[in-house]
Amino acid sequence: MKNAIIILLLALATSCKPAKEAVPEPELAMSLEITRLGAEVYVKNTLKNAASYDLDYGDGTKIINETVPGLEALGPKNRVSYQYKKDGAYTITLTAYNQKGQSKTQSQVITVDYYQKNTSVTDFALVAAQNGTIKMTSLSSNYTSLEAQVSAGGMGFSTKTPNPIFELDLNGQYQFSMMAYNQISSAKDTLISIQNIQEREKGYFKGNWLGTEIETYETFDNQARTEYMDIGGGYKFMNNHFAIIRGKQGITISNRKINTDSLKTNQMKYEQIRSRFKAGIQNSENWILSTIGNPVSKSIEILEIREVQQKKIIPEMDSRAFWITYRIKADFGEYLGKIDGTLKMRYLIY
């Protein structure tokens, strides 16, 4: 009887003990901060008690079911960058989920107006006059600066002169281009065949070229070119190149004994040619002859220097030019042979 009473008392005591309360799910909290720079947005989100999230940029691009531990990989302080491809209004939506799948959402509307304001539109008109004169008029808009170019036959000249006039000196097909610069730049080009030019004299090579007697002249598609080279460190030099066999073999003559600051203006370039190009055998330390390789021996002699009037292919070009006639000799050894001939090249000042 005594044992029965004890059992009854224990049962009553147990039944009176309050039941253990369920632990509530931690509150899901979030914040969404968006900064726009041009077409790029920076999304900073702060999640609390979230297991994963979705991020919708409003243009079809979405990040789905990204786990919160992986959030740190997306950028410092959960800052994610994204660039839109075109202007428009976009709704950015962040949805966070807890362990039980409960969710909370925040949205923000942003407007991208970058592309129309910062994309240049390039257009131009060309008017051809007599004797190779071409006037270019810019019809471009929404640009910060313009650059025009004419190119053909291995040569090309650029100008930043507004509405330039080109004075061409050989008949053929030219490409005219214009570049309008802005944050997003654009370009346009067109081809024009010009056949009304009273053509200039042409350069040539006459003599022995690696065992063969040849006589080859400049053509529209193979024009000699003058280059003013800057290889850094204040070191500048002047090249003139003529492709004896188009696309395969050519001659480049460089005069590298030029003062560092002597190529800044057309007048300085003119004076350099006047002072550095003298008739007679040239000092091989000052002159470099490049052809098909490094010759075993070489000799460069200036036979004639002739100043002529020059059409301004671009407005920045000087109205003076020089024709230089050389006698060149080079020995490339028994496997290649020798070069021995007369070379006439035009030097432009621009």
Protein backbone atom coordinates (compact mmCIF):
# COMPACT_ATOMS: atom_id res chain seq x y z
CA MET A 1 0.00 0.00 0.00
CA LYS A 2 2.84 2.33 0.88
CA ASN A 3 4.53 1.69 -2.49
CA ALA A 4 1.32 2.39 -4.37
CA ILE A 5 1.01 5.79 -2.66
CA ILE A 6 4.62 6.72 -3.62
CA ILE A 7 4.03 5.79 -7.26
CA LEU A 8 0.86 7.86 -7.33
CA LEU A 9 2.65 10.88 -5.89
CA LEU A 10 5.44 10.60 -8.48
CA ALA A 11 2.93 10.39 -11.28
CA LEU A 12 1.17 13.52 -10.04
CA ALA A 13 4.46 15.38 -9.77
CA THR A 14 5.45 14.44 -13.29
CA SER A 15 2.14 15.45 -14.78
CA CYS A 16 2.35 18.88 -13.21
CA LYS A 17 5.81 19.72 -14.79
CA PRO A 18 5.37 22.31 -17.57
CA ALA A 19 6.06 21.13 -21.22
CA LYS A 20 9.31 22.34 -22.93
CA GLU A 21 8.59 25.36 -25.16
CA ALA A 22 9.59 25.24 -28.90
CA VAL A 23 12.57 27.57 -29.84
CA PRO A 24 11.32 30.22 -32.28
CA GLU A 25 13.09 30.62 -35.67
CA PRO A 26 15.51 33.60 -35.51
CA GLU A 27 14.05 36.64 -37.22
CA LEU A 28 15.09 37.02 -40.86
CA ALA A 29 16.46 40.49 -41.51
CA MET A 30 17.96 42.14 -44.60
CA SER A 31 18.95 45.45 -46.13
CA LEU A 32 19.55 46.43 -49.76
CA GLU A 33 21.86 49.30 -50.76
CA ILE A 34 22.47 50.13 -54.44
CA THR A 35 25.01 52.56 -55.88
CA ARG A 36 25.07 53.33 -59.60
CA LEU A 37 28.12 54.52 -61.55
CA GLY A 38 27.43 54.92 -65.25
CA ALA A 39 26.00 51.63 -66.51
CA GLU A 40 27.41 49.73 -63.56
CA VAL A 41 25.59 49.11 -60.30
CA TYR A 42 27.04 48.04 -56.97
CA VAL A 43 24.65 46.01 -54.86
CA LYS A 44 25.46 45.79 -51.17
CA ASN A 45 23.24 43.48 -49.14
CA THR A 46 23.33 42.69 -45.45
CA LEU A 47 21.54 39.47 -44.44
CA LYS A 48 20.85 38.25 -40.94
CA ASN A 49 19.72 34.72 -40.09
CA ALA A 50 19.49 33.84 -43.78
CA ALA A 51 20.56 30.56 -45.34
CA SER A 52 20.42 31.61 -49.01
CA TYR A 53 19.26 34.40 -51.29
CA ASP A 54 18.17 35.26 -54.85
CA LEU A 55 19.25 38.47 -56.58
CA ASP A 56 17.36 39.62 -59.68
CA TYR A 57 18.86 42.55 -61.67
CA GLY A 58 15.65 43.15 -63.60
CA ASP A 59 17.07 42.58 -67.08
CA GLY A 60 16.88 38.78 -67.10
CA THR A 61 20.08 38.26 -65.15
CA LYS A 62 19.57 36.45 -61.85
CA ILE A 63 21.61 34.88 -59.08
CA ILE A 64 19.52 31.98 -57.77
CA ASN A 65 19.84 30.11 -54.47
CA GLU A 66 23.19 31.55 -53.51
CA THR A 67 24.15 30.28 -50.07
CA VAL A 68 25.05 32.87 -47.50
CA PRO A 69 28.50 31.41 -46.66
CA GLY A 70 29.36 31.90 -50.33
CA LEU A 71 28.33 35.51 -50.14
CA GLU A 72 31.78 36.60 -49.03
CA ALA A 73 33.20 35.40 -52.34
CA LEU A 74 31.09 37.95 -54.18
CA GLY A 75 33.00 40.95 -52.92
CA PRO A 76 34.07 42.89 -49.85
CA LYS A 77 31.18 43.46 -47.44
CA ASN A 78 28.80 41.58 -49.73
CA ARG A 79 29.19 44.22 -52.46
CA VAL A 80 28.39 42.84 -55.91
CA SER A 81 28.98 44.74 -59.18
CA TYR A 82 27.01 44.34 -62.38
CA GLN A 83 26.99 46.26 -65.68
CA TYR A 84 23.86 46.77 -67.73
CA LYS A 85 24.10 46.49 -71.52
CA LYS A 86 21.63 49.24 -72.39
CA ASP A 87 19.77 52.19 -70.93
CA GLY A 88 16.46 51.68 -69.14
CA ALA A 89 14.63 51.38 -65.82
CA TYR A 90 15.37 48.18 -63.90
CA THR A 91 13.94 46.72 -60.70
CA ILE A 92 16.58 45.04 -58.56
CA THR A 93 15.06 42.49 -56.18
CA LEU A 94 16.74 40.70 -53.28
CA THR A 95 14.97 37.71 -51.70
CA ALA A 96 16.43 36.02 -48.61
CA TYR A 97 15.47 32.60 -47.22
CA ASN A 98 15.97 31.05 -43.79
CA GLN A 99 16.48 27.37 -42.95
CA LYS A 100 12.74 26.68 -43.05
CA GLY A 101 12.29 28.30 -46.46
CA GLN A 102 10.60 31.38 -45.10
CA SER A 103 11.50 34.45 -47.18
CA LYS A 104 11.69 38.20 -47.11
CA THR A 105 12.03 40.47 -50.18
CA GLN A 106 13.23 43.98 -50.89
CA SER A 107 13.20 45.80 -54.26
CA GLN A 108 14.58 49.03 -55.62
CA VAL A 109 14.10 50.68 -59.04
CA ILE A 110 17.17 52.20 -60.71
CA THR A 111 17.49 54.07 -64.02
CA VAL A 112 20.47 53.62 -66.37
CA ASP A 113 20.96 56.57 -68.73
CA TYR A 114 24.61 56.05 -69.59
CA TYR A 115 24.77 54.78 -73.17
CA GLN A 116 22.84 57.43 -75.05
CA LYS A 117 24.70 60.23 -73.28
CA ASN A 118 28.16 58.71 -73.73
CA THR A 119 28.08 56.99 -77.12
CA SER A 120 29.44 58.99 -80.05
CA VAL A 121 27.83 58.96 -83.49
CA THR A 122 30.30 59.10 -86.39
CA ASP A 123 29.34 60.37 -89.80
CA PHE A 124 30.94 62.50 -92.51
CA ALA A 125 30.50 63.72 -96.07
CA LEU A 126 33.17 63.81 -98.79
CA VAL A 127 33.32 66.21 -101.71
CA ALA A 128 35.86 65.54 -104.48
CA ALA A 129 37.38 68.43 -106.40
CA GLN A 130 39.94 68.41 -109.22
CA ASN A 131 43.44 66.98 -109.03
CA GLY A 132 42.88 64.74 -106.01
CA THR A 133 41.49 67.31 -103.57
CA ILE A 134 38.97 65.80 -101.15
CA LYS A 135 37.07 67.85 -98.58
CA MET A 136 35.76 65.96 -95.54
CA THR A 137 32.96 67.51 -93.50
CA SER A 138 32.09 65.99 -90.15
CA LEU A 139 28.44 65.16 -89.48
CA SER A 140 29.31 63.46 -86.19
CA SER A 141 27.62 64.16 -82.87
CA ASN A 142 27.99 63.53 -79.14
CA TYR A 143 31.79 63.33 -79.19
CA THR A 144 34.65 64.79 -77.21
CA SER A 145 37.20 64.75 -80.07
CA LEU A 146 37.53 63.68 -83.70
CA GLU A 147 40.28 62.09 -85.77
CA ALA A 148 40.23 61.52 -89.53
CA GLN A 149 42.45 59.31 -91.65
CA VAL A 150 43.24 58.55 -95.27
CA SER A 151 45.04 55.33 -96.20
CA ALA A 152 46.05 53.33 -99.25
CA GLY A 153 48.95 51.35 -100.66
CA GLY A 154 50.80 50.83 -97.40
CA MET A 155 50.61 54.48 -96.36
CA GLY A 156 48.24 56.15 -93.93
CA PHE A 157 47.96 59.65 -92.48
CA SER A 158 45.84 60.88 -89.58
CA THR A 159 44.65 64.38 -88.86
CA LYS A 160 42.82 66.08 -85.99
CA THR A 161 41.98 69.11 -88.10
CA PRO A 162 38.22 69.78 -88.09
CA ASN A 163 36.72 69.26 -91.57
CA PRO A 164 40.10 68.51 -93.20
CA ILE A 165 41.07 68.88 -96.84
CA PHE A 166 43.16 66.03 -98.28
CA GLU A 167 45.39 66.67 -101.31
CA LEU A 168 46.21 63.29 -102.81
CA ASP A 169 48.99 62.71 -105.31
CA LEU A 170 48.39 59.26 -106.85
CA ASN A 171 45.35 57.79 -108.63
CA GLY A 172 43.71 54.80 -106.96
CA GLN A 173 41.23 53.65 -104.34
CA TYR A 174 41.53 55.35 -100.96
CA GLN A 175 39.91 54.58 -97.64
CA PHE A 176 38.67 57.57 -95.66
CA SER A 177 37.92 57.05 -91.99
CA MET A 178 36.71 59.08 -89.06
CA MET A 179 36.79 58.22 -85.37
CA ALA A 180 34.54 60.09 -82.92
CA TYR A 181 35.75 59.66 -79.35
CA ASN A 182 33.66 59.55 -76.20
CA GLN A 183 33.28 57.11 -73.30
CA ILE A 184 32.01 54.77 -76.02
CA SER A 185 33.68 55.70 -79.31
CA SER A 186 32.57 54.93 -82.84
CA ALA A 187 34.07 54.92 -86.33
CA LYS A 188 33.06 55.04 -89.96
CA ASP A 189 35.01 54.46 -93.18
CA THR A 190 34.33 54.52 -96.88
CA LEU A 191 36.26 53.71 -100.06
CA ILE A 192 36.58 56.16 -102.96
CA SER A 193 38.30 55.64 -106.28
CA ILE A 194 40.08 58.79 -107.50
CA GLN A 195 41.29 59.07 -111.08
CA ASN A 196 41.64 62.82 -111.73
CA ILE A 197 45.11 63.34 -110.25
CA GLN A 198 48.09 64.68 -112.13
CA GLU A 199 50.47 62.16 -110.59
CA ARG A 200 53.80 62.92 -108.96
CA GLU A 201 57.14 61.34 -109.80
CA LYS A 202 57.79 57.95 -108.25
CA GLY A 203 60.64 56.37 -106.39
CA TYR A 204 62.50 53.32 -107.69
CA PHE A 205 65.24 50.75 -107.25
CA LYS A 206 67.49 49.88 -110.19
CA GLY A 207 70.31 47.40 -110.01
CA ASN A 208 71.28 43.96 -108.80
CA TRP A 209 68.97 42.45 -106.21
CA LEU A 210 70.36 39.19 -104.84
CA GLY A 211 71.71 38.07 -108.19
CA THR A 212 68.95 39.44 -110.42
CA GLU A 213 68.98 42.70 -112.36
CA ILE A 214 65.71 44.52 -111.63
CA GLU A 215 64.08 47.91 -112.20
CA THR A 216 61.07 48.42 -109.93
CA TYR A 217 59.08 51.60 -109.37
CA GLU A 218 56.74 52.84 -106.72
CA THR A 219 53.08 52.15 -107.50
CA PHE A 220 49.82 53.14 -105.87
CA ASP A 221 49.65 49.80 -104.08
CA ASN A 222 53.31 49.93 -103.09
CA GLN A 223 54.11 53.42 -101.90
CA ALA A 224 57.28 54.34 -100.06
CA ARG A 225 56.62 55.79 -96.64
CA THR A 226 58.41 58.12 -94.25
CA GLU A 227 58.13 57.29 -90.55
CA TYR A 228 59.16 59.34 -87.55
CA MET A 229 59.74 56.76 -84.85
CA ASP A 230 59.72 57.21 -81.09
CA ILE A 231 60.90 54.10 -79.25
CA GLY A 232 60.83 55.65 -75.79
CA GLY A 233 63.43 57.06 -73.47
CA GLY A 234 63.72 60.19 -75.58
CA TYR A 235 65.15 58.18 -78.48
CA LYS A 236 63.73 59.10 -81.86
CA PHE A 237 64.76 58.36 -85.40
CA MET A 238 63.56 58.62 -88.98
CA ASN A 239 62.79 55.71 -91.32
CA ASN A 240 62.07 55.54 -95.01
CA HIS A 241 60.79 52.23 -96.36
CA PHE A 242 60.19 50.92 -99.88
CA ALA A 243 58.98 47.38 -100.59
CA ILE A 244 61.05 46.20 -103.55
CA ILE A 245 58.91 43.07 -103.83
CA ARG A 246 55.48 43.91 -102.44
CA GLY A 247 54.83 42.19 -99.13
CA LYS A 248 58.04 40.15 -99.19
CA GLN A 249 61.26 42.11 -99.43
CA GLY A 250 61.97 45.76 -98.96
CA ILE A 251 64.54 48.37 -98.07
CA THR A 252 64.43 50.52 -94.94
CA ILE A 253 66.99 53.27 -94.45
CA SER A 254 67.21 54.87 -91.01
CA ASN A 255 69.16 57.92 -89.96
CA ARG A 256 69.50 57.57 -86.19
CA LYS A 257 71.88 60.41 -85.40
CA ILE A 258 69.07 62.81 -84.57
CA ASN A 259 68.75 64.99 -81.50
CA THR A 260 66.13 63.88 -78.97
CA ASP A 261 63.87 66.91 -79.41
CA SER A 262 64.52 67.52 -83.09
CA LEU A 263 61.32 65.95 -84.45
CA LYS A 264 58.69 68.01 -82.65
CA THR A 265 57.67 70.32 -85.48
CA ASN A 266 57.71 70.25 -89.27
CA GLN A 267 60.39 72.93 -89.33
CA MET A 268 62.60 70.84 -87.03
CA LYS A 269 62.14 67.79 -89.25
CA TYR A 270 62.93 69.86 -92.32
CA GLU A 271 66.10 71.17 -90.72
CA GLN A 272 67.17 67.67 -89.71
CA ILE A 273 66.94 66.44 -93.27
CA ARG A 274 68.77 69.51 -94.53
CA SER A 275 71.57 69.09 -92.00
CA ARG A 276 71.91 65.29 -91.72
CA PHE A 277 71.55 64.32 -95.37
CA LYS A 278 74.76 65.24 -97.18
CA ALA A 279 76.05 63.95 -100.50
CA GLY A 280 78.75 61.33 -100.31
CA ILE A 281 79.53 58.08 -98.47
CA GLN A 282 77.65 57.98 -95.17
CA ASN A 283 79.04 57.01 -91.77
CA SER A 284 77.68 53.50 -91.18
CA GLU A 285 77.38 54.19 -87.43
CA ASN A 286 74.75 56.85 -88.11
CA TRP A 287 72.89 55.06 -90.90
CA ILE A 288 71.14 51.70 -90.79
CA LEU A 289 70.25 49.72 -93.91
CA SER A 290 67.61 47.06 -93.29
CA THR A 291 66.60 44.69 -96.04
CA ILE A 292 66.26 40.90 -95.73
CA GLY A 293 68.56 40.56 -92.72
CA ASN A 294 71.81 41.84 -91.31
CA PRO A 295 74.38 42.24 -94.07
CA VAL A 296 77.96 41.13 -93.62
CA SER A 297 78.97 44.49 -95.04
CA LYS A 298 77.17 47.53 -96.42
CA SER A 299 77.76 50.90 -97.98
CA ILE A 300 75.36 53.85 -98.29
CA GLU A 301 76.15 56.80 -100.54
CA ILE A 302 73.90 59.80 -101.15
CA LEU A 303 74.09 60.79 -104.81
CA GLU A 304 71.52 63.61 -104.88
CA ILE A 305 69.34 65.66 -102.51
CA ARG A 306 66.51 67.57 -104.15
CA GLU A 307 63.93 69.72 -102.38
CA VAL A 308 60.49 69.85 -104.04
CA GLN A 309 57.06 71.31 -103.42
CA GLN A 310 54.69 68.80 -101.84
CA LYS A 311 50.91 68.53 -101.87
CA LYS A 312 49.50 68.41 -98.36
CA ILE A 313 48.03 64.94 -98.11
CA ILE A 314 46.78 66.03 -94.68
CA PRO A 315 46.62 69.64 -93.44
CA GLU A 316 49.45 69.03 -90.95
CA MET A 317 51.86 68.03 -93.73
CA ASP A 318 54.55 70.46 -94.82
CA SER A 319 54.46 71.86 -98.35
CA ARG A 320 58.12 70.84 -98.77
CA ALA A 321 59.56 67.38 -99.36
CA PHE A 322 62.90 65.87 -100.40
CA TRP A 323 63.90 63.32 -103.01
CA ILE A 324 67.04 61.49 -101.93
CA THR A 325 68.92 59.26 -104.38
CA TYR A 326 71.18 56.59 -102.87
CA ARG A 327 73.74 54.13 -104.11
CA ILE A 328 73.46 51.15 -101.81
CA LYS A 329 75.60 48.04 -101.54
CA ALA A 330 75.08 45.13 -99.19
CA ASP A 331 76.60 41.67 -98.95
CA PHE A 332 74.46 39.01 -97.21
CA GLY A 333 76.87 36.13 -97.69
CA GLU A 334 77.00 33.24 -100.11
CA TYR A 335 73.51 31.92 -99.32
CA LEU A 336 71.59 35.14 -100.03
CA GLY A 337 73.86 37.17 -102.24
CA LYS A 338 74.43 40.87 -102.79
CA ILE A 339 72.53 44.07 -103.44
CA ASP A 340 74.08 46.79 -105.58
CA GLY A 341 71.92 49.50 -107.06
CA THR A 342 70.39 52.96 -107.10
CA LEU A 343 67.49 53.76 -104.79
CA LYS A 344 65.39 56.93 -105.00
CA MET A 345 63.03 57.72 -102.12
CA ARG A 346 60.78 60.63 -101.19
CA TYR A 347 60.91 62.04 -97.66
CA LEU A 348 57.72 63.68 -96.41
CA ILE A 349 57.56 66.16 -93.55
CA TYR A 350 54.48 65.83 -91.38
